[in-house]
Amino acid sequence: FIEKLLLPGTSPPDILLEAIIFIRVVSSDERASMLFVSNKILEHIHRIWRDLTQDNELQFQIVLLLSQLMLHGNTGASILKTPGKLSSQYLAHHCASISQLIRLVSFHIT
């Protein structure tokens, strides 16, 4: 069900945002996070990241989702080692504005 929401052209940005937040929350469970990494959901998230670069809130939630997935040893290793999935190198190359946003949010939280 959730994968269908992430398909190109099927959902408006607000629904994509809610779907990514849902995936992030469910990914707090390591077994659930393995399900997300093992199917095409990360590929769809990669496309969303690439295609909706102007939506800072969506980009920020994707960064938080990846952070959640990286907390688990198996999913973190899978993300970093699997070609075509979001990796730390990809994020480092493409997220200068997102890192600024994270610093801003972190500043206001602390």
PDB file of N, CA and C in Angstrom:
ATOM      1  N   PHE A   1       0.819  -1.204   0.000  1.00  0.00           N
ATOM      2  CA  PHE A   1       0.000   0.000   0.000  1.00  0.00           C
ATOM      3  C   PHE A   1       0.859   1.264   0.000  1.00  0.00           C
ATOM      4  N   ILE A   2       1.811   1.319   0.913  1.00  0.00           N
ATOM      5  CA  ILE A   2       2.619   2.538   1.057  1.00  0.00           C
ATOM      6  C   ILE A   2       3.466   2.775  -0.189  1.00  0.00           C
ATOM      7  N   GLU A   3       3.907   1.688  -0.805  1.00  0.00           N
ATOM      8  CA  GLU A   3       4.727   1.826  -2.016  1.00  0.00           C
ATOM      9  C   GLU A   3       3.936   2.491  -3.141  1.00  0.00           C
ATOM     10  N   LYS A   4       2.651   2.189  -3.237  1.00  0.00           N
ATOM     11  CA  LYS A   4       1.814   2.783  -4.283  1.00  0.00           C
ATOM     12  C   LYS A   4       1.717   4.299  -4.118  1.00  0.00           C
ATOM     13  N   LEU A   5       1.741   4.769  -2.882  1.00  0.00           N
ATOM     14  CA  LEU A   5       1.679   6.214  -2.649  1.00  0.00           C
ATOM     15  C   LEU A   5       2.934   6.923  -3.150  1.00  0.00           C
ATOM     16  N   LEU A   6       4.048   6.193  -3.216  1.00  0.00           N
ATOM     17  CA  LEU A   6       5.326   6.785  -3.598  1.00  0.00           C
ATOM     18  C   LEU A   6       5.604   6.716  -5.095  1.00  0.00           C
ATOM     19  N   LEU A   7       4.743   6.062  -5.845  1.00  0.00           N
ATOM     20  CA  LEU A   7       4.938   5.946  -7.290  1.00  0.00           C
ATOM     21  C   LEU A   7       4.824   7.316  -7.951  1.00  0.00           C
ATOM     22  N   PRO A   8       5.583   7.544  -9.032  1.00  0.00           N
ATOM     23  CA  PRO A   8       5.559   8.846  -9.702  1.00  0.00           C
ATOM     24  C   PRO A   8       4.157   9.248 -10.157  1.00  0.00           C
ATOM     25  N   GLY A   9       3.779  10.462  -9.810  1.00  0.00           N
ATOM     26  CA  GLY A   9       2.522  11.031 -10.273  1.00  0.00           C
ATOM     27  C   GLY A   9       1.262  10.531  -9.592  1.00  0.00           C
ATOM     28  N   THR A  10       1.396   9.696  -8.577  1.00  0.00           N
ATOM     29  CA  THR A  10       0.188   9.152  -7.944  1.00  0.00           C
ATOM     30  C   THR A  10      -0.256   9.951  -6.722  1.00  0.00           C
ATOM     31  N   SER A  11       0.640  10.695  -6.119  1.00  0.00           N
ATOM     32  CA  SER A  11       0.293  11.402  -4.881  1.00  0.00           C
ATOM     33  C   SER A  11       0.816  12.830  -4.898  1.00  0.00           C
ATOM     34  N   PRO A  12       0.032  13.764  -4.344  1.00  0.00           N
ATOM     35  CA  PRO A  12       0.528  15.135  -4.203  1.00  0.00           C
ATOM     36  C   PRO A  12       1.615  15.181  -3.117  1.00  0.00           C
ATOM     37  N   PRO A  13       2.415  16.243  -3.107  1.00  0.00           N
ATOM     38  CA  PRO A  13       3.511  16.352  -2.148  1.00  0.00           C
ATOM     39  C   PRO A  13       3.102  16.164  -0.677  1.00  0.00           C
ATOM     40  N   ASP A  14       1.924  16.631  -0.290  1.00  0.00           N
ATOM     41  CA  ASP A  14       1.497  16.469   1.106  1.00  0.00           C
ATOM     42  C   ASP A  14       1.307  14.999   1.473  1.00  0.00           C
ATOM     43  N   ILE A  15       0.793  14.208   0.551  1.00  0.00           N
ATOM     44  CA  ILE A  15       0.616  12.774   0.802  1.00  0.00           C
ATOM     45  C   ILE A  15       1.971  12.084   0.834  1.00  0.00           C
ATOM     46  N   LEU A  16       2.878  12.490  -0.064  1.00  0.00           N
ATOM     47  CA  LEU A  16       4.236  11.941  -0.040  1.00  0.00           C
ATOM     48  C   LEU A  16       4.896  12.217   1.305  1.00  0.00           C
ATOM     49  N   LEU A  17       4.722  13.426   1.793  1.00  0.00           N
ATOM     50  CA  LEU A  17       5.294  13.803   3.086  1.00  0.00           C
ATOM     51  C   LEU A  17       4.750  12.906   4.196  1.00  0.00           C
ATOM     52  N   GLU A  18       3.457  12.713   4.233  1.00  0.00           N
ATOM     53  CA  GLU A  18       2.852  11.860   5.271  1.00  0.00           C
ATOM     54  C   GLU A  18       3.324  10.414   5.142  1.00  0.00           C
ATOM     55  N   ALA A  19       3.470   9.922   3.919  1.00  0.00           N
ATOM     56  CA  ALA A  19       3.942   8.556   3.703  1.00  0.00           C
ATOM     57  C   ALA A  19       5.373   8.398   4.209  1.00  0.00           C
ATOM     58  N   ILE A  20       6.216   9.378   3.949  1.00  0.00           N
ATOM     59  CA  ILE A  20       7.608   9.310   4.402  1.00  0.00           C
ATOM     60  C   ILE A  20       7.681   9.403   5.918  1.00  0.00           C
ATOM     61  N   ILE A  21       6.870  10.236   6.520  1.00  0.00           N
ATOM     62  CA  ILE A  21       6.825  10.315   7.987  1.00  0.00           C
ATOM     63  C   ILE A  21       6.360   8.975   8.557  1.00  0.00           C
ATOM     64  N   PHE A  22       5.355   8.369   7.953  1.00  0.00           N
ATOM     65  CA  PHE A  22       4.869   7.060   8.404  1.00  0.00           C
ATOM     66  C   PHE A  22       5.988   6.011   8.329  1.00  0.00           C
ATOM     67  N   ILE A  23       6.691   5.975   7.209  1.00  0.00           N
ATOM     68  CA  ILE A  23       7.793   5.014   7.054  1.00  0.00           C
ATOM     69  C   ILE A  23       8.852   5.245   8.123  1.00  0.00           C
ATOM     70  N   ARG A  24       9.166   6.516   8.397  1.00  0.00           N
ATOM     71  CA  ARG A  24      10.181   6.833   9.413  1.00  0.00           C
ATOM     72  C   ARG A  24       9.746   6.341  10.784  1.00  0.00           C
ATOM     73  N   VAL A  25       8.502   6.552  11.147  1.00  0.00           N
ATOM     74  CA  VAL A  25       8.013   6.130  12.466  1.00  0.00           C
ATOM     75  C   VAL A  25       8.033   4.602  12.578  1.00  0.00           C
ATOM     76  N   VAL A  26       7.543   3.938  11.543  1.00  0.00           N
ATOM     77  CA  VAL A  26       7.511   2.474  11.572  1.00  0.00           C
ATOM     78  C   VAL A  26       8.933   1.907  11.558  1.00  0.00           C
ATOM     79  N   SER A  27       9.870   2.632  10.955  1.00  0.00           N
ATOM     80  CA  SER A  27      11.254   2.170  10.870  1.00  0.00           C
ATOM     81  C   SER A  27      11.978   2.181  12.209  1.00  0.00           C
ATOM     82  N   SER A  28      11.337   2.670  13.236  1.00  0.00           N
ATOM     83  CA  SER A  28      11.976   2.589  14.555  1.00  0.00           C
ATOM     84  C   SER A  28      12.097   1.129  14.990  1.00  0.00           C
ATOM     85  N   ASP A  29      11.279   0.262  14.401  1.00  0.00           N
ATOM     86  CA  ASP A  29      11.394  -1.175  14.630  1.00  0.00           C
ATOM     87  C   ASP A  29      12.350  -1.750  13.587  1.00  0.00           C
ATOM     88  N   GLU A  30      13.384  -2.430  14.033  1.00  0.00           N
ATOM     89  CA  GLU A  30      14.417  -2.914  13.117  1.00  0.00           C
ATOM     90  C   GLU A  30      13.872  -3.894  12.080  1.00  0.00           C
ATOM     91  N   ARG A  31      12.973  -4.767  12.487  1.00  0.00           N
ATOM     92  CA  ARG A  31      12.408  -5.724  11.519  1.00  0.00           C
ATOM     93  C   ARG A  31      11.617  -5.001  10.440  1.00  0.00           C
ATOM     94  N   ALA A  32      10.864  -3.993  10.827  1.00  0.00           N
ATOM     95  CA  ALA A  32      10.103  -3.225   9.836  1.00  0.00           C
ATOM     96  C   ALA A  32      11.041  -2.460   8.914  1.00  0.00           C
ATOM     97  N   SER A  33      12.109  -1.918   9.466  1.00  0.00           N
ATOM     98  CA  SER A  33      13.042  -1.161   8.633  1.00  0.00           C
ATOM     99  C   SER A  33      13.676  -2.050   7.572  1.00  0.00           C
ATOM    100  N   MET A  34      13.898  -3.328   7.879  1.00  0.00           N
ATOM    101  CA  MET A  34      14.441  -4.252   6.888  1.00  0.00           C
ATOM    102  C   MET A  34      13.477  -4.429   5.720  1.00  0.00           C
ATOM    103  N   LEU A  35      12.186  -4.407   5.988  1.00  0.00           N
ATOM    104  CA  LEU A  35      11.206  -4.521   4.906  1.00  0.00           C
ATOM    105  C   LEU A  35      11.308  -3.338   3.947  1.00  0.00           C
ATOM    106  N   PHE A  36      11.514  -2.149   4.489  1.00  0.00           N
ATOM    107  CA  PHE A  36      11.602  -0.968   3.650  1.00  0.00           C
ATOM    108  C   PHE A  36      12.874  -0.965   2.805  1.00  0.00           C
ATOM    109  N   VAL A  37      13.956  -1.457   3.378  1.00  0.00           N
ATOM    110  CA  VAL A  37      15.219  -1.480   2.654  1.00  0.00           C
ATOM    111  C   VAL A  37      15.230  -2.579   1.597  1.00  0.00           C
ATOM    112  N   SER A  38      14.533  -3.684   1.868  1.00  0.00           N
ATOM    113  CA  SER A  38      14.614  -4.829   0.974  1.00  0.00           C
ATOM    114  C   SER A  38      13.699  -4.739  -0.243  1.00  0.00           C
ATOM    115  N   ASN A  39      12.811  -3.777  -0.308  1.00  0.00           N
ATOM    116  CA  ASN A  39      11.973  -3.654  -1.503  1.00  0.00           C
ATOM    117  C   ASN A  39      12.263  -2.336  -2.214  1.00  0.00           C
ATOM    118  N   LYS A  40      11.387  -1.874  -3.042  1.00  0.00           N
ATOM    119  CA  LYS A  40      11.638  -0.708  -3.893  1.00  0.00           C
ATOM    120  C   LYS A  40      11.317   0.628  -3.239  1.00  0.00           C
ATOM    121  N   ILE A  41      10.954   0.620  -1.983  1.00  0.00           N
ATOM    122  CA  ILE A  41      10.576   1.872  -1.328  1.00  0.00           C
ATOM    123  C   ILE A  41      11.721   2.875  -1.328  1.00  0.00           C
ATOM    124  N   LEU A  42      12.933   2.432  -1.054  1.00  0.00           N
ATOM    125  CA  LEU A  42      14.054   3.373  -1.055  1.00  0.00           C
ATOM    126  C   LEU A  42      14.340   3.914  -2.444  1.00  0.00           C
ATOM    127  N   GLU A  43      14.099   3.120  -3.456  1.00  0.00           N
ATOM    128  CA  GLU A  43      14.272   3.622  -4.823  1.00  0.00           C
ATOM    129  C   GLU A  43      13.270   4.744  -5.109  1.00  0.00           C
ATOM    130  N   HIS A  44      12.045   4.579  -4.636  1.00  0.00           N
ATOM    131  CA  HIS A  44      11.037   5.628  -4.818  1.00  0.00           C
ATOM    132  C   HIS A  44      11.421   6.879  -4.018  1.00  0.00           C
ATOM    133  N   ILE A  45      11.927   6.676  -2.825  1.00  0.00           N
ATOM    134  CA  ILE A  45      12.342   7.814  -2.003  1.00  0.00           C
ATOM    135  C   ILE A  45      13.513   8.534  -2.667  1.00  0.00           C
ATOM    136  N   HIS A  46      14.418   7.797  -3.283  1.00  0.00           N
ATOM    137  CA  HIS A  46      15.531   8.390  -4.018  1.00  0.00           C
ATOM    138  C   HIS A  46      14.997   9.279  -5.147  1.00  0.00           C
ATOM    139  N   ARG A  47      13.991   8.800  -5.868  1.00  0.00           N
ATOM    140  CA  ARG A  47      13.397   9.579  -6.952  1.00  0.00           C
ATOM    141  C   ARG A  47      12.730  10.843  -6.401  1.00  0.00           C
ATOM    142  N   ILE A  48      12.014  10.699  -5.290  1.00  0.00           N
ATOM    143  CA  ILE A  48      11.355  11.860  -4.672  1.00  0.00           C
ATOM    144  C   ILE A  48      12.406  12.882  -4.258  1.00  0.00           C
ATOM    145  N   TRP A  49      13.486  12.407  -3.648  1.00  0.00           N
ATOM    146  CA  TRP A  49      14.585  13.281  -3.219  1.00  0.00           C
ATOM    147  C   TRP A  49      15.126  14.060  -4.411  1.00  0.00           C
ATOM    148  N   ARG A  50      15.328  13.356  -5.512  1.00  0.00           N
ATOM    149  CA  ARG A  50      15.907  13.949  -6.715  1.00  0.00           C
ATOM    150  C   ARG A  50      14.925  14.902  -7.409  1.00  0.00           C
ATOM    151  N   ASP A  51      13.651  14.526  -7.468  1.00  0.00           N
ATOM    152  CA  ASP A  51      12.674  15.290  -8.244  1.00  0.00           C
ATOM    153  C   ASP A  51      12.066  16.470  -7.499  1.00  0.00           C
ATOM    154  N   LEU A  52      11.982  16.407  -6.201  1.00  0.00           N
ATOM    155  CA  LEU A  52      11.319  17.467  -5.424  1.00  0.00           C
ATOM    156  C   LEU A  52      12.321  18.228  -4.557  1.00  0.00           C
ATOM    157  N   THR A  53      13.371  18.706  -5.184  1.00  0.00           N
ATOM    158  CA  THR A  53      14.443  19.378  -4.442  1.00  0.00           C
ATOM    159  C   THR A  53      14.005  20.696  -3.820  1.00  0.00           C
ATOM    160  N   GLN A  54      12.935  21.296  -4.304  1.00  0.00           N
ATOM    161  CA  GLN A  54      12.498  22.583  -3.773  1.00  0.00           C
ATOM    162  C   GLN A  54      11.607  22.448  -2.539  1.00  0.00           C
ATOM    163  N   ASP A  55      11.195  21.244  -2.230  1.00  0.00           N
ATOM    164  CA  ASP A  55      10.324  21.016  -1.073  1.00  0.00           C
ATOM    165  C   ASP A  55      11.191  20.695   0.138  1.00  0.00           C
ATOM    166  N   ASN A  56      11.560  21.722   0.882  1.00  0.00           N
ATOM    167  CA  ASN A  56      12.485  21.545   2.017  1.00  0.00           C
ATOM    168  C   ASN A  56      11.932  20.639   3.098  1.00  0.00           C
ATOM    169  N   GLU A  57      10.646  20.722   3.362  1.00  0.00           N
ATOM    170  CA  GLU A  57      10.062  19.881   4.411  1.00  0.00           C
ATOM    171  C   GLU A  57      10.146  18.407   4.017  1.00  0.00           C
ATOM    172  N   LEU A  58       9.857  18.112   2.778  1.00  0.00           N
ATOM    173  CA  LEU A  58       9.942  16.742   2.277  1.00  0.00           C
ATOM    174  C   LEU A  58      11.386  16.251   2.312  1.00  0.00           C
ATOM    175  N   GLN A  59      12.310  17.088   1.877  1.00  0.00           N
ATOM    176  CA  GLN A  59      13.728  16.722   1.896  1.00  0.00           C
ATOM    177  C   GLN A  59      14.199  16.471   3.333  1.00  0.00           C
ATOM    178  N   PHE A  60      13.777  17.314   4.245  1.00  0.00           N
ATOM    179  CA  PHE A  60      14.158  17.160   5.648  1.00  0.00           C
ATOM    180  C   PHE A  60      13.631  15.840   6.217  1.00  0.00           C
ATOM    181  N   GLN A  61      12.399  15.492   5.902  1.00  0.00           N
ATOM    182  CA  GLN A  61      11.829  14.232   6.397  1.00  0.00           C
ATOM    183  C   GLN A  61      12.550  13.024   5.795  1.00  0.00           C
ATOM    184  N   ILE A  62      13.015  13.143   4.564  1.00  0.00           N
ATOM    185  CA  ILE A  62      13.794  12.058   3.967  1.00  0.00           C
ATOM    186  C   ILE A  62      15.115  11.895   4.710  1.00  0.00           C
ATOM    187  N   VAL A  63      15.756  12.992   5.062  1.00  0.00           N
ATOM    188  CA  VAL A  63      16.994  12.915   5.841  1.00  0.00           C
ATOM    189  C   VAL A  63      16.727  12.253   7.193  1.00  0.00           C
ATOM    190  N   LEU A  64      15.635  12.625   7.846  1.00  0.00           N
ATOM    191  CA  LEU A  64      15.291  11.999   9.124  1.00  0.00           C
ATOM    192  C   LEU A  64      14.996  10.514   8.955  1.00  0.00           C
ATOM    193  N   LEU A  65      14.314  10.149   7.878  1.00  0.00           N
ATOM    194  CA  LEU A  65      14.043   8.740   7.597  1.00  0.00           C
ATOM    195  C   LEU A  65      15.340   7.970   7.420  1.00  0.00           C
ATOM    196  N   LEU A  66      16.253   8.507   6.633  1.00  0.00           N
ATOM    197  CA  LEU A  66      17.529   7.823   6.432  1.00  0.00           C
ATOM    198  C   LEU A  66      18.313   7.714   7.735  1.00  0.00           C
ATOM    199  N   SER A  67      18.248   8.749   8.544  1.00  0.00           N
ATOM    200  CA  SER A  67      18.904   8.691   9.852  1.00  0.00           C
ATOM    201  C   SER A  67      18.325   7.561  10.689  1.00  0.00           C
ATOM    202  N   GLN A  68      17.013   7.422  10.669  1.00  0.00           N
ATOM    203  CA  GLN A  68      16.350   6.342  11.414  1.00  0.00           C
ATOM    204  C   GLN A  68      16.801   4.983  10.888  1.00  0.00           C
ATOM    205  N   LEU A  69      16.838   4.828   9.578  1.00  0.00           N
ATOM    206  CA  LEU A  69      17.257   3.555   8.992  1.00  0.00           C
ATOM    207  C   LEU A  69      18.723   3.252   9.293  1.00  0.00           C
ATOM    208  N   MET A  70      19.546   4.287   9.370  1.00  0.00           N
ATOM    209  CA  MET A  70      20.968   4.091   9.643  1.00  0.00           C
ATOM    210  C   MET A  70      21.230   3.673  11.087  1.00  0.00           C
ATOM    211  N   LEU A  71      20.269   3.881  11.974  1.00  0.00           N
ATOM    212  CA  LEU A  71      20.451   3.488  13.371  1.00  0.00           C
ATOM    213  C   LEU A  71      20.537   1.975  13.549  1.00  0.00           C
ATOM    214  N   HIS A  72      19.927   1.241  12.645  1.00  0.00           N
ATOM    215  CA  HIS A  72      19.944  -0.215  12.726  1.00  0.00           C
ATOM    216  C   HIS A  72      21.110  -0.730  11.887  1.00  0.00           C
ATOM    217  N   GLY A  73      21.893  -1.601  12.462  1.00  0.00           N
ATOM    218  CA  GLY A  73      23.090  -2.095  11.781  1.00  0.00           C
ATOM    219  C   GLY A  73      22.823  -2.695  10.417  1.00  0.00           C
ATOM    220  N   ASN A  74      21.833  -3.559  10.321  1.00  0.00           N
ATOM    221  CA  ASN A  74      21.574  -4.236   9.046  1.00  0.00           C
ATOM    222  C   ASN A  74      21.056  -3.285   7.973  1.00  0.00           C
ATOM    223  N   THR A  75      20.139  -2.410   8.336  1.00  0.00           N
ATOM    224  CA  THR A  75      19.600  -1.505   7.323  1.00  0.00           C
ATOM    225  C   THR A  75      20.628  -0.452   6.939  1.00  0.00           C
ATOM    226  N   GLY A  76      21.384   0.021   7.909  1.00  0.00           N
ATOM    227  CA  GLY A  76      22.428   1.003   7.603  1.00  0.00           C
ATOM    228  C   GLY A  76      23.449   0.449   6.634  1.00  0.00           C
ATOM    229  N   ALA A  77      23.896  -0.769   6.892  1.00  0.00           N
ATOM    230  CA  ALA A  77      24.865  -1.407   6.000  1.00  0.00           C
ATOM    231  C   ALA A  77      24.272  -1.621   4.617  1.00  0.00           C
ATOM    232  N   SER A  78      23.023  -1.995   4.555  1.00  0.00           N
ATOM    233  CA  SER A  78      22.360  -2.221   3.271  1.00  0.00           C
ATOM    234  C   SER A  78      22.268  -0.933   2.461  1.00  0.00           C
ATOM    235  N   ILE A  79      21.934   0.158   3.107  1.00  0.00           N
ATOM    236  CA  ILE A  79      21.818   1.443   2.407  1.00  0.00           C
ATOM    237  C   ILE A  79      23.173   1.862   1.841  1.00  0.00           C
ATOM    238  N   LEU A  80      24.215   1.706   2.622  1.00  0.00           N
ATOM    239  CA  LEU A  80      25.531   2.161   2.191  1.00  0.00           C
ATOM    240  C   LEU A  80      26.158   1.261   1.131  1.00  0.00           C
ATOM    241  N   LYS A  81      25.819  -0.012   1.125  1.00  0.00           N
ATOM    242  CA  LYS A  81      26.480  -0.959   0.226  1.00  0.00           C
ATOM    243  C   LYS A  81      25.713  -1.249  -1.055  1.00  0.00           C
ATOM    244  N   THR A  82      24.434  -0.934  -1.109  1.00  0.00           N
ATOM    245  CA  THR A  82      23.630  -1.312  -2.266  1.00  0.00           C
ATOM    246  C   THR A  82      23.644  -0.210  -3.307  1.00  0.00           C
ATOM    247  N   PRO A  83      24.133  -0.510  -4.523  1.00  0.00           N
ATOM    248  CA  PRO A  83      24.130   0.510  -5.584  1.00  0.00           C
ATOM    249  C   PRO A  83      22.699   0.948  -5.914  1.00  0.00           C
ATOM    250  N   GLY A  84      22.543   2.234  -6.187  1.00  0.00           N
ATOM    251  CA  GLY A  84      21.244   2.757  -6.579  1.00  0.00           C
ATOM    252  C   GLY A  84      20.368   3.183  -5.420  1.00  0.00           C
ATOM    253  N   LYS A  85      20.742   2.832  -4.215  1.00  0.00           N
ATOM    254  CA  LYS A  85      19.964   3.281  -3.061  1.00  0.00           C
ATOM    255  C   LYS A  85      20.629   4.527  -2.495  1.00  0.00           C
ATOM    256  N   LEU A  86      19.886   5.257  -1.714  1.00  0.00           N
ATOM    257  CA  LEU A  86      20.435   6.471  -1.123  1.00  0.00           C
ATOM    258  C   LEU A  86      21.624   6.113  -0.253  1.00  0.00           C
ATOM    259  N   SER A  87      22.699   6.820  -0.411  1.00  0.00           N
ATOM    260  CA  SER A  87      23.893   6.529   0.375  1.00  0.00           C
ATOM    261  C   SER A  87      24.399   7.811   1.006  1.00  0.00           C
ATOM    262  N   SER A  88      25.325   7.660   1.917  1.00  0.00           N
ATOM    263  CA  SER A  88      25.894   8.833   2.563  1.00  0.00           C
ATOM    264  C   SER A  88      26.631   9.706   1.552  1.00  0.00           C
ATOM    265  N   GLN A  89      27.267   9.087   0.549  1.00  0.00           N
ATOM    266  CA  GLN A  89      27.958   9.868  -0.476  1.00  0.00           C
ATOM    267  C   GLN A  89      26.962  10.705  -1.273  1.00  0.00           C
ATOM    268  N   TYR A  90      25.826  10.107  -1.616  1.00  0.00           N
ATOM    269  CA  TYR A  90      24.799  10.832  -2.363  1.00  0.00           C
ATOM    270  C   TYR A  90      24.284  12.007  -1.531  1.00  0.00           C
ATOM    271  N   LEU A  91      23.994  11.744  -0.278  1.00  0.00           N
ATOM    272  CA  LEU A  91      23.477  12.800   0.585  1.00  0.00           C
ATOM    273  C   LEU A  91      24.498  13.914   0.768  1.00  0.00           C
ATOM    274  N   ALA A  92      25.763  13.547   0.967  1.00  0.00           N
ATOM    275  CA  ALA A  92      26.798  14.560   1.154  1.00  0.00           C
ATOM    276  C   ALA A  92      26.915  15.452  -0.075  1.00  0.00           C
ATOM    277  N   HIS A  93      26.718  14.875  -1.240  1.00  0.00           N
ATOM    278  CA  HIS A  93      26.846  15.629  -2.479  1.00  0.00           C
ATOM    279  C   HIS A  93      25.650  16.544  -2.716  1.00  0.00           C
ATOM    280  N   HIS A  94      24.458  16.139  -2.282  1.00  0.00           N
ATOM    281  CA  HIS A  94      23.241  16.849  -2.660  1.00  0.00           C
ATOM    282  C   HIS A  94      22.512  17.588  -1.534  1.00  0.00           C
ATOM    283  N   CYS A  95      23.038  17.622  -0.338  1.00  0.00           N
ATOM    284  CA  CYS A  95      22.189  18.165   0.731  1.00  0.00           C
ATOM    285  C   CYS A  95      22.785  19.355   1.466  1.00  0.00           C
ATOM    286  N   ALA A  96      23.466  20.239   0.779  1.00  0.00           N
ATOM    287  CA  ALA A  96      23.987  21.425   1.452  1.00  0.00           C
ATOM    288  C   ALA A  96      22.860  22.241   2.063  1.00  0.00           C
ATOM    289  N   SER A  97      21.784  22.455   1.333  1.00  0.00           N
ATOM    290  CA  SER A  97      20.672  23.239   1.871  1.00  0.00           C
ATOM    291  C   SER A  97      19.956  22.485   2.975  1.00  0.00           C
ATOM    292  N   ILE A  98      19.893  21.161   2.857  1.00  0.00           N
ATOM    293  CA  ILE A  98      19.253  20.364   3.903  1.00  0.00           C
ATOM    294  C   ILE A  98      20.078  20.414   5.184  1.00  0.00           C
ATOM    295  N   SER A  99      21.402  20.356   5.070  1.00  0.00           N
ATOM    296  CA  SER A  99      22.222  20.423   6.288  1.00  0.00           C
ATOM    297  C   SER A  99      22.066  21.780   6.964  1.00  0.00           C
ATOM    298  N   GLN A 100      21.903  22.835   6.174  1.00  0.00           N
ATOM    299  CA  GLN A 100      21.635  24.144   6.763  1.00  0.00           C
ATOM    300  C   GLN A 100      20.303  24.137   7.497  1.00  0.00           C
ATOM    301  N   LEU A 101      19.318  23.490   6.896  1.00  0.00           N
ATOM    302  CA  LEU A 101      18.002  23.380   7.517  1.00  0.00           C
ATOM    303  C   LEU A 101      18.093  22.584   8.821  1.00  0.00           C
ATOM    304  N   ILE A 102      18.849  21.504   8.810  1.00  0.00           N
ATOM    305  CA  ILE A 102      19.016  20.697  10.023  1.00  0.00           C
ATOM    306  C   ILE A 102      19.677  21.508  11.125  1.00  0.00           C
ATOM    307  N   ARG A 103      20.706  22.282  10.787  1.00  0.00           N
ATOM    308  CA  ARG A 103      21.361  23.127  11.796  1.00  0.00           C
ATOM    309  C   ARG A 103      20.380  24.143  12.365  1.00  0.00           C
ATOM    310  N   LEU A 104      19.573  24.718  11.499  1.00  0.00           N
ATOM    311  CA  LEU A 104      18.581  25.701  11.949  1.00  0.00           C
ATOM    312  C   LEU A 104      17.579  25.055  12.897  1.00  0.00           C
ATOM    313  N   VAL A 105      17.057  23.898  12.517  1.00  0.00           N
ATOM    314  CA  VAL A 105      16.087  23.197  13.361  1.00  0.00           C
ATOM    315  C   VAL A 105      16.736  22.768  14.664  1.00  0.00           C
ATOM    316  N   SER A 106      17.955  22.234  14.613  1.00  0.00           N
ATOM    317  CA  SER A 106      18.661  21.810  15.821  1.00  0.00           C
ATOM    318  C   SER A 106      18.889  22.977  16.766  1.00  0.00           C
ATOM    319  N   PHE A 107      19.209  24.129  16.209  1.00  0.00           N
ATOM    320  CA  PHE A 107      19.423  25.329  17.010  1.00  0.00           C
ATOM    321  C   PHE A 107      18.156  25.694  17.779  1.00  0.00           C
ATOM    322  N   HIS A 108      17.007  25.585  17.128  1.00  0.00           N
ATOM    323  CA  HIS A 108      15.746  25.964  17.766  1.00  0.00           C
ATOM    324  C   HIS A 108      15.266  24.912  18.759  1.00  0.00           C
ATOM    325  N   ILE A 109      15.693  23.679  18.586  1.00  0.00           N
ATOM    326  CA  ILE A 109      15.267  22.611  19.498  1.00  0.00           C
ATOM    327  C   ILE A 109      16.066  22.657  20.781  1.00  0.00           C
ATOM    328  N   THR A 110      17.380  22.941  20.688  1.00  0.00           N
ATOM    329  CA  THR A 110      18.237  22.892  21.870  1.00  0.00           C
ATOM    330  C   THR A 110      18.183  24.145  22.686  1.00  0.00           C
TER     331      THR A 110
END
